[in-house]
Amino acid sequence: MSRNAAERAALALAGLMLLASALITGRLAFEHMQLAGSLCGSGAAPHCGWCVAAVALAVLAAFSAAAALAPVRTPERVRA
């Protein structure tokens, strides 16, 4: 396995782990909203840490997947 392929596989695995973490924190945010009886961020209720973490992890998962699936760049040769 080449270094580039190993890096892409690691990025893809990290993206899957981040996505799973985003789903878990999203579920915890939903349960927190049910417990509080209102949506976070509506009215006087601020966003809880679960909401912020779920969004941040989802964004990181998307960037990791984009980096893993990006086309391979080959360096241009410079003519002397």
PDB file of N, CA and C in Angstrom:
ATOM      1  N   MET A   1       0.850  -1.170   0.000  1.00  0.00           N
ATOM      2  CA  MET A   1       0.000   0.000   0.000  1.00  0.00           C
ATOM      3  C   MET A   1       0.900   1.239   0.000  1.00  0.00           C
ATOM      4  N   SER A   2       0.634   2.157  -0.892  1.00  0.00           N
ATOM      5  CA  SER A   2       1.450   3.356  -0.968  1.00  0.00           C
ATOM      6  C   SER A   2       1.119   4.304   0.176  1.00  0.00           C
ATOM      7  N   ARG A   3       1.988   5.272   0.373  1.00  0.00           N
ATOM      8  CA  ARG A   3       1.781   6.241   1.452  1.00  0.00           C
ATOM      9  C   ARG A   3       0.513   7.048   1.214  1.00  0.00           C
ATOM     10  N   ASN A   4       0.277   7.419  -0.029  1.00  0.00           N
ATOM     11  CA  ASN A   4      -0.911   8.207  -0.354  1.00  0.00           C
ATOM     12  C   ASN A   4      -2.184   7.414  -0.071  1.00  0.00           C
ATOM     13  N   ALA A   5      -2.189   6.150  -0.420  1.00  0.00           N
ATOM     14  CA  ALA A   5      -3.359   5.307  -0.161  1.00  0.00           C
ATOM     15  C   ALA A   5      -3.564   5.110   1.333  1.00  0.00           C
ATOM     16  N   ALA A   6      -2.481   4.964   2.081  1.00  0.00           N
ATOM     17  CA  ALA A   6      -2.590   4.804   3.537  1.00  0.00           C
ATOM     18  C   ALA A   6      -3.133   6.074   4.175  1.00  0.00           C
ATOM     19  N   GLU A   7      -2.686   7.230   3.697  1.00  0.00           N
ATOM     20  CA  GLU A   7      -3.193   8.495   4.228  1.00  0.00           C
ATOM     21  C   GLU A   7      -4.674   8.659   3.926  1.00  0.00           C
ATOM     22  N   ARG A   8      -5.087   8.294   2.737  1.00  0.00           N
ATOM     23  CA  ARG A   8      -6.508   8.394   2.366  1.00  0.00           C
ATOM     24  C   ARG A   8      -7.358   7.423   3.184  1.00  0.00           C
ATOM     25  N   ALA A   9      -6.846   6.229   3.421  1.00  0.00           N
ATOM     26  CA  ALA A   9      -7.582   5.269   4.239  1.00  0.00           C
ATOM     27  C   ALA A   9      -7.720   5.772   5.675  1.00  0.00           C
ATOM     28  N   ALA A  10      -6.656   6.382   6.202  1.00  0.00           N
ATOM     29  CA  ALA A  10      -6.712   6.932   7.561  1.00  0.00           C
ATOM     30  C   ALA A  10      -7.704   8.090   7.634  1.00  0.00           C
ATOM     31  N   LEU A  11      -7.731   8.937   6.614  1.00  0.00           N
ATOM     32  CA  LEU A  11      -8.700  10.037   6.580  1.00  0.00           C
ATOM     33  C   LEU A  11     -10.129   9.519   6.497  1.00  0.00           C
ATOM     34  N   ALA A  12     -10.338   8.485   5.700  1.00  0.00           N
ATOM     35  CA  ALA A  12     -11.678   7.909   5.574  1.00  0.00           C
ATOM     36  C   ALA A  12     -12.120   7.284   6.895  1.00  0.00           C
ATOM     37  N   LEU A  13     -11.220   6.582   7.559  1.00  0.00           N
ATOM     38  CA  LEU A  13     -11.542   5.972   8.852  1.00  0.00           C
ATOM     39  C   LEU A  13     -11.832   7.051   9.894  1.00  0.00           C
ATOM     40  N   ALA A  14     -11.027   8.109   9.901  1.00  0.00           N
ATOM     41  CA  ALA A  14     -11.268   9.218  10.828  1.00  0.00           C
ATOM     42  C   ALA A  14     -12.617   9.871  10.540  1.00  0.00           C
ATOM     43  N   GLY A  15     -12.959  10.006   9.265  1.00  0.00           N
ATOM     44  CA  GLY A  15     -14.249  10.578   8.904  1.00  0.00           C
ATOM     45  C   GLY A  15     -15.411   9.730   9.385  1.00  0.00           C
ATOM     46  N   LEU A  16     -15.283   8.411   9.276  1.00  0.00           N
ATOM     47  CA  LEU A  16     -16.339   7.522   9.771  1.00  0.00           C
ATOM     48  C   LEU A  16     -16.470   7.600  11.287  1.00  0.00           C
ATOM     49  N   MET A  17     -15.343   7.678  11.980  1.00  0.00           N
ATOM     50  CA  MET A  17     -15.395   7.794  13.434  1.00  0.00           C
ATOM     51  C   MET A  17     -15.995   9.140  13.857  1.00  0.00           C
ATOM     52  N   LEU A  18     -15.654  10.205  13.150  1.00  0.00           N
ATOM     53  CA  LEU A  18     -16.236  11.510  13.446  1.00  0.00           C
ATOM     54  C   LEU A  18     -17.729  11.527  13.164  1.00  0.00           C
ATOM     55  N   LEU A  19     -18.150  10.866  12.085  1.00  0.00           N
ATOM     56  CA  LEU A  19     -19.572  10.796  11.775  1.00  0.00           C
ATOM     57  C   LEU A  19     -20.331  10.019  12.850  1.00  0.00           C
ATOM     58  N   ALA A  20     -19.770   8.922  13.306  1.00  0.00           N
ATOM     59  CA  ALA A  20     -20.405   8.158  14.384  1.00  0.00           C
ATOM     60  C   ALA A  20     -20.496   9.003  15.656  1.00  0.00           C
ATOM     61  N   SER A  21     -19.451   9.753  15.946  1.00  0.00           N
ATOM     62  CA  SER A  21     -19.471  10.621  17.120  1.00  0.00           C
ATOM     63  C   SER A  21     -20.513  11.720  16.976  1.00  0.00           C
ATOM     64  N   ALA A  22     -20.665  12.258  15.765  1.00  0.00           N
ATOM     65  CA  ALA A  22     -21.678  13.283  15.522  1.00  0.00           C
ATOM     66  C   ALA A  22     -23.080  12.714  15.722  1.00  0.00           C
ATOM     67  N   LEU A  23     -23.308  11.489  15.284  1.00  0.00           N
ATOM     68  CA  LEU A  23     -24.614  10.862  15.476  1.00  0.00           C
ATOM     69  C   LEU A  23     -24.909  10.624  16.957  1.00  0.00           C
ATOM     70  N   ILE A  24     -23.903  10.217  17.703  1.00  0.00           N
ATOM     71  CA  ILE A  24     -24.091   9.982  19.133  1.00  0.00           C
ATOM     72  C   ILE A  24     -24.385  11.304  19.848  1.00  0.00           C
ATOM     73  N   THR A  25     -23.608  12.340  19.567  1.00  0.00           N
ATOM     74  CA  THR A  25     -23.850  13.617  20.235  1.00  0.00           C
ATOM     75  C   THR A  25     -25.159  14.249  19.770  1.00  0.00           C
ATOM     76  N   GLY A  26     -25.555  13.999  18.539  1.00  0.00           N
ATOM     77  CA  GLY A  26     -26.854  14.474  18.078  1.00  0.00           C
ATOM     78  C   GLY A  26     -27.990  13.816  18.842  1.00  0.00           C
ATOM     79  N   ARG A  27     -27.844  12.546  19.098  1.00  0.00           N
ATOM     80  CA  ARG A  27     -28.848  11.830  19.889  1.00  0.00           C
ATOM     81  C   ARG A  27     -28.894  12.367  21.319  1.00  0.00           C
ATOM     82  N   LEU A  28     -27.724  12.629  21.896  1.00  0.00           N
ATOM     83  CA  LEU A  28     -27.675  13.195  23.244  1.00  0.00           C
ATOM     84  C   LEU A  28     -28.279  14.596  23.280  1.00  0.00           C
ATOM     85  N   ALA A  29     -28.061  15.388  22.236  1.00  0.00           N
ATOM     86  CA  ALA A  29     -28.663  16.722  22.160  1.00  0.00           C
ATOM     87  C   ALA A  29     -30.182  16.612  22.081  1.00  0.00           C
ATOM     88  N   PHE A  30     -30.668  15.660  21.301  1.00  0.00           N
ATOM     89  CA  PHE A  30     -32.113  15.463  21.182  1.00  0.00           C
ATOM     90  C   PHE A  30     -32.720  15.065  22.528  1.00  0.00           C
ATOM     91  N   GLU A  31     -32.048  14.148  23.226  1.00  0.00           N
ATOM     92  CA  GLU A  31     -32.532  13.742  24.546  1.00  0.00           C
ATOM     93  C   GLU A  31     -32.494  14.905  25.534  1.00  0.00           C
ATOM     94  N   HIS A  32     -31.473  15.753  25.427  1.00  0.00           N
ATOM     95  CA  HIS A  32     -31.373  16.918  26.303  1.00  0.00           C
ATOM     96  C   HIS A  32     -32.507  17.889  26.028  1.00  0.00           C
ATOM     97  N   MET A  33     -32.851  18.058  24.741  1.00  0.00           N
ATOM     98  CA  MET A  33     -33.971  18.947  24.401  1.00  0.00           C
ATOM     99  C   MET A  33     -35.284  18.391  24.939  1.00  0.00           C
ATOM    100  N   GLN A  34     -35.457  17.069  24.877  1.00  0.00           N
ATOM    101  CA  GLN A  34     -36.670  16.465  25.422  1.00  0.00           C
ATOM    102  C   GLN A  34     -36.732  16.645  26.934  1.00  0.00           C
ATOM    103  N   LEU A  35     -35.583  16.514  27.585  1.00  0.00           N
ATOM    104  CA  LEU A  35     -35.537  16.668  29.032  1.00  0.00           C
ATOM    105  C   LEU A  35     -35.820  18.117  29.436  1.00  0.00           C
ATOM    106  N   ALA A  36     -35.272  19.082  28.684  1.00  0.00           N
ATOM    107  CA  ALA A  36     -35.475  20.498  28.986  1.00  0.00           C
ATOM    108  C   ALA A  36     -36.873  20.955  28.579  1.00  0.00           C
ATOM    109  N   GLY A  37     -37.483  20.284  27.636  1.00  0.00           N
ATOM    110  CA  GLY A  37     -38.828  20.638  27.198  1.00  0.00           C
ATOM    111  C   GLY A  37     -38.876  21.736  26.167  1.00  0.00           C
ATOM    112  N   SER A  38     -37.735  22.123  25.640  1.00  0.00           N
ATOM    113  CA  SER A  38     -37.721  23.144  24.585  1.00  0.00           C
ATOM    114  C   SER A  38     -36.513  22.912  23.686  1.00  0.00           C
ATOM    115  N   LEU A  39     -36.527  23.560  22.542  1.00  0.00           N
ATOM    116  CA  LEU A  39     -35.392  23.475  21.630  1.00  0.00           C
ATOM    117  C   LEU A  39     -34.253  24.354  22.125  1.00  0.00           C
ATOM    118  N   CYS A  40     -33.053  23.869  22.026  1.00  0.00           N
ATOM    119  CA  CYS A  40     -31.903  24.685  22.394  1.00  0.00           C
ATOM    120  C   CYS A  40     -31.792  25.845  21.402  1.00  0.00           C
ATOM    121  N   GLY A  41     -31.495  27.010  21.908  1.00  0.00           N
ATOM    122  CA  GLY A  41     -31.325  28.175  21.050  1.00  0.00           C
ATOM    123  C   GLY A  41     -32.608  28.940  20.799  1.00  0.00           C
ATOM    124  N   SER A  42     -33.753  28.413  21.214  1.00  0.00           N
ATOM    125  CA  SER A  42     -35.004  29.131  20.998  1.00  0.00           C
ATOM    126  C   SER A  42     -35.333  29.936  22.247  1.00  0.00           C
ATOM    127  N   GLY A  43     -35.681  31.173  22.054  1.00  0.00           N
ATOM    128  CA  GLY A  43     -36.027  32.021  23.188  1.00  0.00           C
ATOM    129  C   GLY A  43     -34.820  32.326  24.046  1.00  0.00           C
ATOM    130  N   ALA A  44     -34.992  32.161  25.355  1.00  0.00           N
ATOM    131  CA  ALA A  44     -33.921  32.477  26.298  1.00  0.00           C
ATOM    132  C   ALA A  44     -32.976  31.304  26.531  1.00  0.00           C
ATOM    133  N   ALA A  45     -33.318  30.126  26.012  1.00  0.00           N
ATOM    134  CA  ALA A  45     -32.479  28.948  26.227  1.00  0.00           C
ATOM    135  C   ALA A  45     -31.281  28.973  25.278  1.00  0.00           C
ATOM    136  N   PRO A  46     -30.068  28.978  25.819  1.00  0.00           N
ATOM    137  CA  PRO A  46     -28.893  28.966  24.929  1.00  0.00           C
ATOM    138  C   PRO A  46     -28.673  27.570  24.357  1.00  0.00           C
ATOM    139  N   HIS A  47     -27.827  27.483  23.350  1.00  0.00           N
ATOM    140  CA  HIS A  47     -27.463  26.172  22.808  1.00  0.00           C
ATOM    141  C   HIS A  47     -26.633  25.426  23.835  1.00  0.00           C
ATOM    142  N   CYS A  48     -26.912  24.147  23.982  1.00  0.00           N
ATOM    143  CA  CYS A  48     -26.133  23.332  24.915  1.00  0.00           C
ATOM    144  C   CYS A  48     -24.865  22.841  24.210  1.00  0.00           C
ATOM    145  N   GLY A  49     -23.973  22.293  24.994  1.00  0.00           N
ATOM    146  CA  GLY A  49     -22.724  21.784  24.442  1.00  0.00           C
ATOM    147  C   GLY A  49     -22.919  20.616  23.497  1.00  0.00           C
ATOM    148  N   TRP A  50     -23.997  19.848  23.697  1.00  0.00           N
ATOM    149  CA  TRP A  50     -24.268  18.703  22.822  1.00  0.00           C
ATOM    150  C   TRP A  50     -24.602  19.176  21.411  1.00  0.00           C
ATOM    151  N   CYS A  51     -25.367  20.249  21.305  1.00  0.00           N
ATOM    152  CA  CYS A  51     -25.732  20.775  19.982  1.00  0.00           C
ATOM    153  C   CYS A  51     -24.492  21.253  19.231  1.00  0.00           C
ATOM    154  N   VAL A  52     -23.670  22.018  19.937  1.00  0.00           N
ATOM    155  CA  VAL A  52     -22.457  22.555  19.318  1.00  0.00           C
ATOM    156  C   VAL A  52     -21.515  21.426  18.915  1.00  0.00           C
ATOM    157  N   ALA A  53     -21.364  20.434  19.782  1.00  0.00           N
ATOM    158  CA  ALA A  53     -20.468  19.306  19.483  1.00  0.00           C
ATOM    159  C   ALA A  53     -20.971  18.496  18.294  1.00  0.00           C
ATOM    160  N   ALA A  54     -22.281  18.288  18.211  1.00  0.00           N
ATOM    161  CA  ALA A  54     -22.835  17.507  17.096  1.00  0.00           C
ATOM    162  C   ALA A  54     -22.555  18.190  15.762  1.00  0.00           C
ATOM    163  N   VAL A  55     -22.752  19.496  15.709  1.00  0.00           N
ATOM    164  CA  VAL A  55     -22.502  20.230  14.462  1.00  0.00           C
ATOM    165  C   VAL A  55     -21.010  20.244  14.129  1.00  0.00           C
ATOM    166  N   ALA A  56     -20.176  20.504  15.129  1.00  0.00           N
ATOM    167  CA  ALA A  56     -18.729  20.546  14.892  1.00  0.00           C
ATOM    168  C   ALA A  56     -18.205  19.199  14.405  1.00  0.00           C
ATOM    169  N   LEU A  57     -18.652  18.117  15.009  1.00  0.00           N
ATOM    170  CA  LEU A  57     -18.201  16.790  14.578  1.00  0.00           C
ATOM    171  C   LEU A  57     -18.705  16.448  13.179  1.00  0.00           C
ATOM    172  N   ALA A  58     -19.921  16.863  12.845  1.00  0.00           N
ATOM    173  CA  ALA A  58     -20.444  16.606  11.501  1.00  0.00           C
ATOM    174  C   ALA A  58     -19.645  17.380  10.451  1.00  0.00           C
ATOM    175  N   VAL A  59     -19.277  18.611  10.753  1.00  0.00           N
ATOM    176  CA  VAL A  59     -18.474  19.409   9.817  1.00  0.00           C
ATOM    177  C   VAL A  59     -17.096  18.783   9.641  1.00  0.00           C
ATOM    178  N   LEU A  60     -16.477  18.366  10.741  1.00  0.00           N
ATOM    179  CA  LEU A  60     -15.171  17.703  10.647  1.00  0.00           C
ATOM    180  C   LEU A  60     -15.248  16.400   9.855  1.00  0.00           C
ATOM    181  N   ALA A  61     -16.329  15.651  10.025  1.00  0.00           N
ATOM    182  CA  ALA A  61     -16.502  14.410   9.261  1.00  0.00           C
ATOM    183  C   ALA A  61     -16.622  14.707   7.771  1.00  0.00           C
ATOM    184  N   ALA A  62     -17.337  15.778   7.425  1.00  0.00           N
ATOM    185  CA  ALA A  62     -17.485  16.141   6.010  1.00  0.00           C
ATOM    186  C   ALA A  62     -16.148  16.564   5.406  1.00  0.00           C
ATOM    187  N   PHE A  63     -15.372  17.351   6.147  1.00  0.00           N
ATOM    188  CA  PHE A  63     -14.063  17.769   5.629  1.00  0.00           C
ATOM    189  C   PHE A  63     -13.110  16.588   5.510  1.00  0.00           C
ATOM    190  N   SER A  64     -13.171  15.664   6.447  1.00  0.00           N
ATOM    191  CA  SER A  64     -12.313  14.488   6.385  1.00  0.00           C
ATOM    192  C   SER A  64     -12.675  13.610   5.190  1.00  0.00           C
ATOM    193  N   ALA A  65     -13.966  13.447   4.939  1.00  0.00           N
ATOM    194  CA  ALA A  65     -14.394  12.669   3.778  1.00  0.00           C
ATOM    195  C   ALA A  65     -14.005  13.354   2.479  1.00  0.00           C
ATOM    196  N   ALA A  66     -14.132  14.677   2.440  1.00  0.00           N
ATOM    197  CA  ALA A  66     -13.740  15.418   1.233  1.00  0.00           C
ATOM    198  C   ALA A  66     -12.248  15.285   0.970  1.00  0.00           C
ATOM    199  N   ALA A  67     -11.448  15.319   2.032  1.00  0.00           N
ATOM    200  CA  ALA A  67      -9.996  15.171   1.860  1.00  0.00           C
ATOM    201  C   ALA A  67      -9.641  13.758   1.412  1.00  0.00           C
ATOM    202  N   ALA A  68     -10.360  12.766   1.916  1.00  0.00           N
ATOM    203  CA  ALA A  68     -10.074  11.375   1.542  1.00  0.00           C
ATOM    204  C   ALA A  68     -10.468  11.088   0.096  1.00  0.00           C
ATOM    205  N   LEU A  69     -11.509  11.764  -0.388  1.00  0.00           N
ATOM    206  CA  LEU A  69     -12.011  11.499  -1.737  1.00  0.00           C
ATOM    207  C   LEU A  69     -11.503  12.484  -2.791  1.00  0.00           C
ATOM    208  N   ALA A  70     -10.688  13.446  -2.375  1.00  0.00           N
ATOM    209  CA  ALA A  70     -10.175  14.439  -3.318  1.00  0.00           C
ATOM    210  C   ALA A  70      -9.271  13.760  -4.350  1.00  0.00           C
ATOM    211  N   PRO A  71      -9.251  14.300  -5.564  1.00  0.00           N
ATOM    212  CA  PRO A  71      -8.379  13.697  -6.580  1.00  0.00           C
ATOM    213  C   PRO A  71      -6.910  13.829  -6.189  1.00  0.00           C
ATOM    214  N   VAL A  72      -6.136  12.856  -6.634  1.00  0.00           N
ATOM    215  CA  VAL A  72      -4.702  12.840  -6.319  1.00  0.00           C
ATOM    216  C   VAL A  72      -4.004  13.896  -7.150  1.00  0.00           C
ATOM    217  N   ARG A  73      -3.208  14.699  -6.470  1.00  0.00           N
ATOM    218  CA  ARG A  73      -2.429  15.719  -7.181  1.00  0.00           C
ATOM    219  C   ARG A  73      -1.043  15.169  -7.466  1.00  0.00           C
ATOM    220  N   THR A  74      -0.630  15.353  -8.680  1.00  0.00           N
ATOM    221  CA  THR A  74       0.726  14.953  -9.028  1.00  0.00           C
ATOM    222  C   THR A  74       1.549  16.217  -9.240  1.00  0.00           C
ATOM    223  N   PRO A  75       2.747  16.255  -8.674  1.00  0.00           N
ATOM    224  CA  PRO A  75       3.560  17.463  -8.838  1.00  0.00           C
ATOM    225  C   PRO A  75       3.985  17.635 -10.288  1.00  0.00           C
ATOM    226  N   GLU A  76       3.986  18.875 -10.723  1.00  0.00           N
ATOM    227  CA  GLU A  76       4.414  19.160 -12.090  1.00  0.00           C
ATOM    228  C   GLU A  76       5.927  19.150 -12.165  1.00  0.00           C
ATOM    229  N   ARG A  77       6.412  18.649 -13.277  1.00  0.00           N
ATOM    230  CA  ARG A  77       7.857  18.631 -13.462  1.00  0.00           C
ATOM    231  C   ARG A  77       8.308  19.977 -14.021  1.00  0.00           C
ATOM    232  N   VAL A  78       9.396  20.435 -13.486  1.00  0.00           N
ATOM    233  CA  VAL A  78       9.953  21.723 -13.919  1.00  0.00           C
ATOM    234  C   VAL A  78      11.037  21.452 -14.945  1.00  0.00           C
ATOM    235  N   ARG A  79      10.896  22.098 -16.085  1.00  0.00           N
ATOM    236  CA  ARG A  79      11.935  21.922 -17.118  1.00  0.00           C
ATOM    237  C   ARG A  79      13.068  22.903 -16.892  1.00  0.00           C
ATOM    238  N   ALA A  80      14.244  22.401 -17.040  1.00  0.00           N
ATOM    239  CA  ALA A  80      15.417  23.255 -16.834  1.00  0.00           C
ATOM    240  C   ALA A  80      15.876  23.882 -18.120  1.00  0.00           C
TER     241      ALA A  80
END
